[in-house]
Amino acid sequence: LKQVFDVEQYGSLSYIPDKYPLFAAKTRGWDKSKPFVLVTGGVHGYETSGVQGALLFLETKAQHYSQWFNILVAPCVSPWGY
């Protein structure tokens, strides 16, 4: 994903920060004139399909939609739930 998107660590869980980093991927070349889209996954406990869906979106669709939108994907907001 790092070849196509900017991947950044935006935080970590305070419990064991090295074990639970939080990452987000965003499309490159953000344009203030485009609308912004936020895709999240892993928000609720045992929501594994949301994490997988967010990652699949990054791998298959996000680059295509980036021609019309600035896209930020946080695939696993709560590692506790995953």
PDB file of N, CA and C in Angstrom:
ATOM      1  N   LEU A   1       0.812  -1.210   0.000  1.00  0.00           N
ATOM      2  CA  LEU A   1       0.000   0.000   0.000  1.00  0.00           C
ATOM      3  C   LEU A   1       0.855   1.274   0.000  1.00  0.00           C
ATOM      4  N   LYS A   2       2.050   1.181   0.573  1.00  0.00           N
ATOM      5  CA  LYS A   2       2.905   2.363   0.656  1.00  0.00           C
ATOM      6  C   LYS A   2       3.395   2.843  -0.703  1.00  0.00           C
ATOM      7  N   GLN A   3       3.293   2.006  -1.727  1.00  0.00           N
ATOM      8  CA  GLN A   3       3.710   2.423  -3.061  1.00  0.00           C
ATOM      9  C   GLN A   3       2.692   3.378  -3.685  1.00  0.00           C
ATOM     10  N   VAL A   4       1.429   3.295  -3.230  1.00  0.00           N
ATOM     11  CA  VAL A   4       0.357   4.082  -3.832  1.00  0.00           C
ATOM     12  C   VAL A   4      -0.176   5.160  -2.895  1.00  0.00           C
ATOM     13  N   PHE A   5      -0.161   4.888  -1.590  1.00  0.00           N
ATOM     14  CA  PHE A   5      -0.757   5.789  -0.601  1.00  0.00           C
ATOM     15  C   PHE A   5       0.282   6.247   0.411  1.00  0.00           C
ATOM     16  N   ASP A   6      -0.008   7.383   1.054  1.00  0.00           N
ATOM     17  CA  ASP A   6       0.798   7.818   2.188  1.00  0.00           C
ATOM     18  C   ASP A   6       0.256   7.094   3.409  1.00  0.00           C
ATOM     19  N   VAL A   7       1.091   6.288   4.047  1.00  0.00           N
ATOM     20  CA  VAL A   7       0.692   5.534   5.234  1.00  0.00           C
ATOM     21  C   VAL A   7       1.411   6.137   6.430  1.00  0.00           C
ATOM     22  N   GLU A   8       0.621   6.524   7.445  1.00  0.00           N
ATOM     23  CA  GLU A   8       1.193   7.205   8.602  1.00  0.00           C
ATOM     24  C   GLU A   8       0.630   6.623   9.888  1.00  0.00           C
ATOM     25  N   GLN A   9       1.478   6.564  10.899  1.00  0.00           N
ATOM     26  CA  GLN A   9       0.992   6.205  12.224  1.00  0.00           C
ATOM     27  C   GLN A   9       0.447   7.478  12.858  1.00  0.00           C
ATOM     28  N   TYR A  10      -0.822   7.447  13.266  1.00  0.00           N
ATOM     29  CA  TYR A  10      -1.430   8.639  13.853  1.00  0.00           C
ATOM     30  C   TYR A  10      -1.594   8.529  15.361  1.00  0.00           C
ATOM     31  N   GLY A  11      -1.234   7.406  15.925  1.00  0.00           N
ATOM     32  CA  GLY A  11      -1.340   7.235  17.372  1.00  0.00           C
ATOM     33  C   GLY A  11      -1.069   5.797  17.746  1.00  0.00           C
ATOM     34  N   SER A  12      -1.384   5.478  19.003  1.00  0.00           N
ATOM     35  CA  SER A  12      -1.264   4.119  19.503  1.00  0.00           C
ATOM     36  C   SER A  12      -2.100   4.012  20.767  1.00  0.00           C
ATOM     37  N   LEU A  13      -2.440   2.797  21.122  1.00  0.00           N
ATOM     38  CA  LEU A  13      -3.154   2.603  22.377  1.00  0.00           C
ATOM     39  C   LEU A  13      -2.165   2.766  23.517  1.00  0.00           C
ATOM     40  N   SER A  14      -2.590   3.428  24.576  1.00  0.00           N
ATOM     41  CA  SER A  14      -1.686   3.704  25.689  1.00  0.00           C
ATOM     42  C   SER A  14      -1.330   2.453  26.486  1.00  0.00           C
ATOM     43  N   TYR A  15      -2.100   1.398  26.347  1.00  0.00           N
ATOM     44  CA  TYR A  15      -1.866   0.173  27.114  1.00  0.00           C
ATOM     45  C   TYR A  15      -0.480  -0.407  26.824  1.00  0.00           C
ATOM     46  N   ILE A  16      -0.200  -0.709  25.572  1.00  0.00           N
ATOM     47  CA  ILE A  16       1.129  -1.160  25.130  1.00  0.00           C
ATOM     48  C   ILE A  16       1.381  -0.482  23.776  1.00  0.00           C
ATOM     49  N   PRO A  17       1.877   0.745  23.791  1.00  0.00           N
ATOM     50  CA  PRO A  17       1.996   1.528  22.544  1.00  0.00           C
ATOM     51  C   PRO A  17       2.736   0.828  21.410  1.00  0.00           C
ATOM     52  N   ASP A  18       3.785   0.062  21.736  1.00  0.00           N
ATOM     53  CA  ASP A  18       4.539  -0.612  20.676  1.00  0.00           C
ATOM     54  C   ASP A  18       3.753  -1.762  20.058  1.00  0.00           C
ATOM     55  N   LYS A  19       2.814  -2.319  20.806  1.00  0.00           N
ATOM     56  CA  LYS A  19       2.041  -3.455  20.320  1.00  0.00           C
ATOM     57  C   LYS A  19       0.788  -3.026  19.568  1.00  0.00           C
ATOM     58  N   TYR A  20       0.273  -1.842  19.860  1.00  0.00           N
ATOM     59  CA  TYR A  20      -0.998  -1.396  19.270  1.00  0.00           C
ATOM     60  C   TYR A  20      -0.878  -0.043  18.573  1.00  0.00           C
ATOM     61  N   PRO A  21      -0.046   0.058  17.530  1.00  0.00           N
ATOM     62  CA  PRO A  21       0.013   1.314  16.773  1.00  0.00           C
ATOM     63  C   PRO A  21      -1.246   1.479  15.920  1.00  0.00           C
ATOM     64  N   LEU A  22      -1.600   2.715  15.642  1.00  0.00           N
ATOM     65  CA  LEU A  22      -2.773   3.032  14.817  1.00  0.00           C
ATOM     66  C   LEU A  22      -2.288   3.701  13.537  1.00  0.00           C
ATOM     67  N   PHE A  23      -2.662   3.114  12.398  1.00  0.00           N
ATOM     68  CA  PHE A  23      -2.215   3.610  11.104  1.00  0.00           C
ATOM     69  C   PHE A  23      -3.384   4.085  10.252  1.00  0.00           C
ATOM     70  N   ALA A  24      -3.092   5.024   9.368  1.00  0.00           N
ATOM     71  CA  ALA A  24      -4.062   5.492   8.380  1.00  0.00           C
ATOM     72  C   ALA A  24      -3.347   5.621   7.039  1.00  0.00           C
ATOM     73  N   ALA A  25      -4.097   5.442   5.980  1.00  0.00           N
ATOM     74  CA  ALA A  25      -3.573   5.615   4.627  1.00  0.00           C
ATOM     75  C   ALA A  25      -4.383   6.708   3.945  1.00  0.00           C
ATOM     76  N   LYS A  26      -3.697   7.553   3.205  1.00  0.00           N
ATOM     77  CA  LYS A  26      -4.426   8.601   2.482  1.00  0.00           C
ATOM     78  C   LYS A  26      -3.898   8.709   1.062  1.00  0.00           C
ATOM     79  N   THR A  27      -4.779   9.158   0.209  1.00  0.00           N
ATOM     80  CA  THR A  27      -4.397   9.335  -1.180  1.00  0.00           C
ATOM     81  C   THR A  27      -3.393  10.481  -1.274  1.00  0.00           C
ATOM     82  N   ARG A  28      -2.532  10.380  -2.244  1.00  0.00           N
ATOM     83  CA  ARG A  28      -1.508  11.401  -2.436  1.00  0.00           C
ATOM     84  C   ARG A  28      -2.057  12.568  -3.254  1.00  0.00           C
ATOM     85  N   GLY A  29      -1.409  13.701  -3.133  1.00  0.00           N
ATOM     86  CA  GLY A  29      -1.803  14.859  -3.924  1.00  0.00           C
ATOM     87  C   GLY A  29      -3.147  15.432  -3.523  1.00  0.00           C
ATOM     88  N   TRP A  30      -3.351  15.615  -2.221  1.00  0.00           N
ATOM     89  CA  TRP A  30      -4.633  16.152  -1.751  1.00  0.00           C
ATOM     90  C   TRP A  30      -4.914  17.502  -2.402  1.00  0.00           C
ATOM     91  N   ASP A  31      -6.156  17.678  -2.766  1.00  0.00           N
ATOM     92  CA  ASP A  31      -6.613  18.880  -3.459  1.00  0.00           C
ATOM     93  C   ASP A  31      -7.759  19.477  -2.649  1.00  0.00           C
ATOM     94  N   LYS A  32      -7.574  20.688  -2.152  1.00  0.00           N
ATOM     95  CA  LYS A  32      -8.594  21.315  -1.295  1.00  0.00           C
ATOM     96  C   LYS A  32      -9.921  21.530  -2.003  1.00  0.00           C
ATOM     97  N   SER A  33      -9.920  21.476  -3.320  1.00  0.00           N
ATOM     98  CA  SER A  33     -11.181  21.666  -4.050  1.00  0.00           C
ATOM     99  C   SER A  33     -12.007  20.376  -4.131  1.00  0.00           C
ATOM    100  N   LYS A  34     -11.405  19.239  -3.775  1.00  0.00           N
ATOM    101  CA  LYS A  34     -12.132  17.959  -3.809  1.00  0.00           C
ATOM    102  C   LYS A  34     -12.796  17.693  -2.458  1.00  0.00           C
ATOM    103  N   PRO A  35     -13.925  16.985  -2.464  1.00  0.00           N
ATOM    104  CA  PRO A  35     -14.532  16.561  -1.202  1.00  0.00           C
ATOM    105  C   PRO A  35     -13.633  15.525  -0.512  1.00  0.00           C
ATOM    106  N   PHE A  36     -13.795  15.419   0.799  1.00  0.00           N
ATOM    107  CA  PHE A  36     -13.019  14.474   1.584  1.00  0.00           C
ATOM    108  C   PHE A  36     -13.881  13.275   1.964  1.00  0.00           C
ATOM    109  N   VAL A  37     -13.286  12.095   1.913  1.00  0.00           N
ATOM    110  CA  VAL A  37     -13.973  10.857   2.296  1.00  0.00           C
ATOM    111  C   VAL A  37     -13.148  10.183   3.386  1.00  0.00           C
ATOM    112  N   LEU A  38     -13.817   9.778   4.470  1.00  0.00           N
ATOM    113  CA  LEU A  38     -13.184   9.046   5.553  1.00  0.00           C
ATOM    114  C   LEU A  38     -13.783   7.650   5.600  1.00  0.00           C
ATOM    115  N   VAL A  39     -12.926   6.635   5.526  1.00  0.00           N
ATOM    116  CA  VAL A  39     -13.352   5.242   5.633  1.00  0.00           C
ATOM    117  C   VAL A  39     -12.710   4.672   6.887  1.00  0.00           C
ATOM    118  N   THR A  40     -13.518   4.102   7.784  1.00  0.00           N
ATOM    119  CA  THR A  40     -12.988   3.502   8.998  1.00  0.00           C
ATOM    120  C   THR A  40     -13.414   2.050   9.096  1.00  0.00           C
ATOM    121  N   GLY A  41     -12.652   1.293   9.824  1.00  0.00           N
ATOM    122  CA  GLY A  41     -12.978  -0.095  10.115  1.00  0.00           C
ATOM    123  C   GLY A  41     -12.510  -0.416  11.517  1.00  0.00           C
ATOM    124  N   GLY A  42     -12.976  -1.516  12.043  1.00  0.00           N
ATOM    125  CA  GLY A  42     -12.553  -1.940  13.367  1.00  0.00           C
ATOM    126  C   GLY A  42     -12.944  -0.994  14.469  1.00  0.00           C
ATOM    127  N   VAL A  43     -14.099  -0.373  14.341  1.00  0.00           N
ATOM    128  CA  VAL A  43     -14.556   0.586  15.342  1.00  0.00           C
ATOM    129  C   VAL A  43     -15.178  -0.128  16.544  1.00  0.00           C
ATOM    130  N   HIS A  44     -15.937  -1.149  16.297  1.00  0.00           N
ATOM    131  CA  HIS A  44     -16.644  -1.881  17.352  1.00  0.00           C
ATOM    132  C   HIS A  44     -16.007  -3.242  17.585  1.00  0.00           C
ATOM    133  N   GLY A  45     -16.199  -3.793  18.747  1.00  0.00           N
ATOM    134  CA  GLY A  45     -15.626  -5.075  19.109  1.00  0.00           C
ATOM    135  C   GLY A  45     -15.991  -6.183  18.136  1.00  0.00           C
ATOM    136  N   TYR A  46     -15.011  -6.995  17.821  1.00  0.00           N
ATOM    137  CA  TYR A  46     -15.161  -8.152  16.943  1.00  0.00           C
ATOM    138  C   TYR A  46     -15.653  -7.786  15.542  1.00  0.00           C
ATOM    139  N   GLU A  47     -15.291  -6.609  15.085  1.00  0.00           N
ATOM    140  CA  GLU A  47     -15.704  -6.150  13.762  1.00  0.00           C
ATOM    141  C   GLU A  47     -14.581  -6.434  12.762  1.00  0.00           C
ATOM    142  N   THR A  48     -14.267  -7.675  12.578  1.00  0.00           N
ATOM    143  CA  THR A  48     -13.162  -8.018  11.674  1.00  0.00           C
ATOM    144  C   THR A  48     -13.496  -7.716  10.218  1.00  0.00           C
ATOM    145  N   SER A  49     -14.762  -7.823   9.845  1.00  0.00           N
ATOM    146  CA  SER A  49     -15.128  -7.571   8.450  1.00  0.00           C
ATOM    147  C   SER A  49     -14.923  -6.110   8.065  1.00  0.00           C
ATOM    148  N   GLY A  50     -15.090  -5.197   9.002  1.00  0.00           N
ATOM    149  CA  GLY A  50     -14.858  -3.783   8.708  1.00  0.00           C
ATOM    150  C   GLY A  50     -13.405  -3.491   8.408  1.00  0.00           C
ATOM    151  N   VAL A  51     -12.501  -4.116   9.152  1.00  0.00           N
ATOM    152  CA  VAL A  51     -11.068  -3.957   8.908  1.00  0.00           C
ATOM    153  C   VAL A  51     -10.719  -4.510   7.533  1.00  0.00           C
ATOM    154  N   GLN A  52     -11.187  -5.703   7.262  1.00  0.00           N
ATOM    155  CA  GLN A  52     -10.904  -6.336   5.970  1.00  0.00           C
ATOM    156  C   GLN A  52     -11.519  -5.546   4.811  1.00  0.00           C
ATOM    157  N   GLY A  53     -12.717  -5.015   5.016  1.00  0.00           N
ATOM    158  CA  GLY A  53     -13.365  -4.209   3.976  1.00  0.00           C
ATOM    159  C   GLY A  53     -12.619  -2.922   3.696  1.00  0.00           C
ATOM    160  N   ALA A  54     -12.136  -2.254   4.737  1.00  0.00           N
ATOM    161  CA  ALA A  54     -11.377  -1.013   4.556  1.00  0.00           C
ATOM    162  C   ALA A  54     -10.072  -1.278   3.800  1.00  0.00           C
ATOM    163  N   LEU A  55      -9.399  -2.372   4.152  1.00  0.00           N
ATOM    164  CA  LEU A  55      -8.156  -2.725   3.450  1.00  0.00           C
ATOM    165  C   LEU A  55      -8.422  -3.125   1.997  1.00  0.00           C
ATOM    166  N   LEU A  56      -9.506  -3.852   1.776  1.00  0.00           N
ATOM    167  CA  LEU A  56      -9.868  -4.237   0.407  1.00  0.00           C
ATOM    168  C   LEU A  56     -10.196  -3.004  -0.430  1.00  0.00           C
ATOM    169  N   PHE A  57     -10.894  -2.031   0.159  1.00  0.00           N
ATOM    170  CA  PHE A  57     -11.186  -0.781  -0.542  1.00  0.00           C
ATOM    171  C   PHE A  57      -9.884  -0.088  -0.959  1.00  0.00           C
ATOM    172  N   LEU A  58      -8.914  -0.045  -0.043  1.00  0.00           N
ATOM    173  CA  LEU A  58      -7.620   0.558  -0.377  1.00  0.00           C
ATOM    174  C   LEU A  58      -6.946  -0.167  -1.541  1.00  0.00           C
ATOM    175  N   GLU A  59      -6.990  -1.478  -1.513  1.00  0.00           N
ATOM    176  CA  GLU A  59      -6.302  -2.271  -2.524  1.00  0.00           C
ATOM    177  C   GLU A  59      -6.983  -2.248  -3.884  1.00  0.00           C
ATOM    178  N   THR A  60      -8.300  -2.053  -3.909  1.00  0.00           N
ATOM    179  CA  THR A  60      -9.025  -2.231  -5.172  1.00  0.00           C
ATOM    180  C   THR A  60      -9.747  -1.004  -5.712  1.00  0.00           C
ATOM    181  N   LYS A  61     -10.149  -0.071  -4.876  1.00  0.00           N
ATOM    182  CA  LYS A  61     -11.007   1.031  -5.348  1.00  0.00           C
ATOM    183  C   LYS A  61     -10.515   2.440  -5.035  1.00  0.00           C
ATOM    184  N   ALA A  62      -9.777   2.606  -3.961  1.00  0.00           N
ATOM    185  CA  ALA A  62      -9.433   3.952  -3.494  1.00  0.00           C
ATOM    186  C   ALA A  62      -8.683   4.773  -4.536  1.00  0.00           C
ATOM    187  N   GLN A  63      -7.733   4.158  -5.205  1.00  0.00           N
ATOM    188  CA  GLN A  63      -6.963   4.911  -6.194  1.00  0.00           C
ATOM    189  C   GLN A  63      -7.865   5.423  -7.317  1.00  0.00           C
ATOM    190  N   HIS A  64      -8.817   4.618  -7.743  1.00  0.00           N
ATOM    191  CA  HIS A  64      -9.756   5.042  -8.789  1.00  0.00           C
ATOM    192  C   HIS A  64     -10.580   6.246  -8.322  1.00  0.00           C
ATOM    193  N   TYR A  65     -11.130   6.166  -7.112  1.00  0.00           N
ATOM    194  CA  TYR A  65     -11.975   7.246  -6.604  1.00  0.00           C
ATOM    195  C   TYR A  65     -11.187   8.500  -6.238  1.00  0.00           C
ATOM    196  N   SER A  66      -9.879   8.373  -6.112  1.00  0.00           N
ATOM    197  CA  SER A  66      -9.075   9.538  -5.735  1.00  0.00           C
ATOM    198  C   SER A  66      -9.053  10.614  -6.813  1.00  0.00           C
ATOM    199  N   GLN A  67      -9.495  10.294  -8.006  1.00  0.00           N
ATOM    200  CA  GLN A  67      -9.579  11.340  -9.028  1.00  0.00           C
ATOM    201  C   GLN A  67     -10.693  12.340  -8.710  1.00  0.00           C
ATOM    202  N   TRP A  68     -11.653  11.946  -7.873  1.00  0.00           N
ATOM    203  CA  TRP A  68     -12.764  12.830  -7.500  1.00  0.00           C
ATOM    204  C   TRP A  68     -12.763  13.217  -6.026  1.00  0.00           C
ATOM    205  N   PHE A  69     -12.055  12.453  -5.189  1.00  0.00           N
ATOM    206  CA  PHE A  69     -12.092  12.662  -3.741  1.00  0.00           C
ATOM    207  C   PHE A  69     -10.702  12.573  -3.131  1.00  0.00           C
ATOM    208  N   ASN A  70     -10.519  13.270  -2.014  1.00  0.00           N
ATOM    209  CA  ASN A  70      -9.393  13.031  -1.118  1.00  0.00           C
ATOM    210  C   ASN A  70      -9.866  11.936  -0.169  1.00  0.00           C
ATOM    211  N   ILE A  71      -9.103  10.866  -0.033  1.00  0.00           N
ATOM    212  CA  ILE A  71      -9.560   9.713   0.743  1.00  0.00           C
ATOM    213  C   ILE A  71      -8.590   9.421   1.878  1.00  0.00           C
ATOM    214  N   LEU A  72      -9.136   9.263   3.068  1.00  0.00           N
ATOM    215  CA  LEU A  72      -8.377   8.872   4.245  1.00  0.00           C
ATOM    216  C   LEU A  72      -9.004   7.593   4.785  1.00  0.00           C
ATOM    217  N   VAL A  73      -8.195   6.550   4.963  1.00  0.00           N
ATOM    218  CA  VAL A  73      -8.690   5.262   5.449  1.00  0.00           C
ATOM    219  C   VAL A  73      -7.960   4.906   6.742  1.00  0.00           C
ATOM    220  N   ALA A  74      -8.724   4.723   7.807  1.00  0.00           N
ATOM    221  CA  ALA A  74      -8.207   4.230   9.085  1.00  0.00           C
ATOM    222  C   ALA A  74      -8.808   2.838   9.273  1.00  0.00           C
ATOM    223  N   PRO A  75      -8.098   1.816   8.840  1.00  0.00           N
ATOM    224  CA  PRO A  75      -8.705   0.488   8.765  1.00  0.00           C
ATOM    225  C   PRO A  75      -8.967  -0.195  10.104  1.00  0.00           C
ATOM    226  N   CYS A  76      -8.258   0.194  11.146  1.00  0.00           N
ATOM    227  CA  CYS A  76      -8.484  -0.461  12.444  1.00  0.00           C
ATOM    228  C   CYS A  76      -8.408   0.584  13.547  1.00  0.00           C
ATOM    229  N   VAL A  77      -9.517   1.246  13.792  1.00  0.00           N
ATOM    230  CA  VAL A  77      -9.581   2.328  14.769  1.00  0.00           C
ATOM    231  C   VAL A  77      -9.407   1.796  16.189  1.00  0.00           C
ATOM    232  N   SER A  78      -9.943   0.613  16.463  1.00  0.00           N
ATOM    233  CA  SER A  78      -9.852   0.025  17.795  1.00  0.00           C
ATOM    234  C   SER A  78      -9.267  -1.374  17.728  1.00  0.00           C
ATOM    235  N   PRO A  79      -7.951  -1.510  17.878  1.00  0.00           N
ATOM    236  CA  PRO A  79      -7.357  -2.841  17.847  1.00  0.00           C
ATOM    237  C   PRO A  79      -7.915  -3.779  18.914  1.00  0.00           C
ATOM    238  N   TRP A  80      -8.462  -3.211  19.979  1.00  0.00           N
ATOM    239  CA  TRP A  80      -9.088  -4.065  21.014  1.00  0.00           C
ATOM    240  C   TRP A  80     -10.214  -4.890  20.413  1.00  0.00           C
ATOM    241  N   GLY A  81     -10.940  -4.318  19.511  1.00  0.00           N
ATOM    242  CA  GLY A  81     -12.077  -5.010  18.919  1.00  0.00           C
ATOM    243  C   GLY A  81     -11.683  -6.010  17.855  1.00  0.00           C
ATOM    244  N   TYR A  82     -10.503  -5.840  17.316  1.00  0.00           N
ATOM    245  CA  TYR A  82     -10.067  -6.711  16.240  1.00  0.00           C
ATOM    246  C   TYR A  82      -9.389  -7.933  16.802  1.00  0.00           C
TER     247      TYR A  82
END
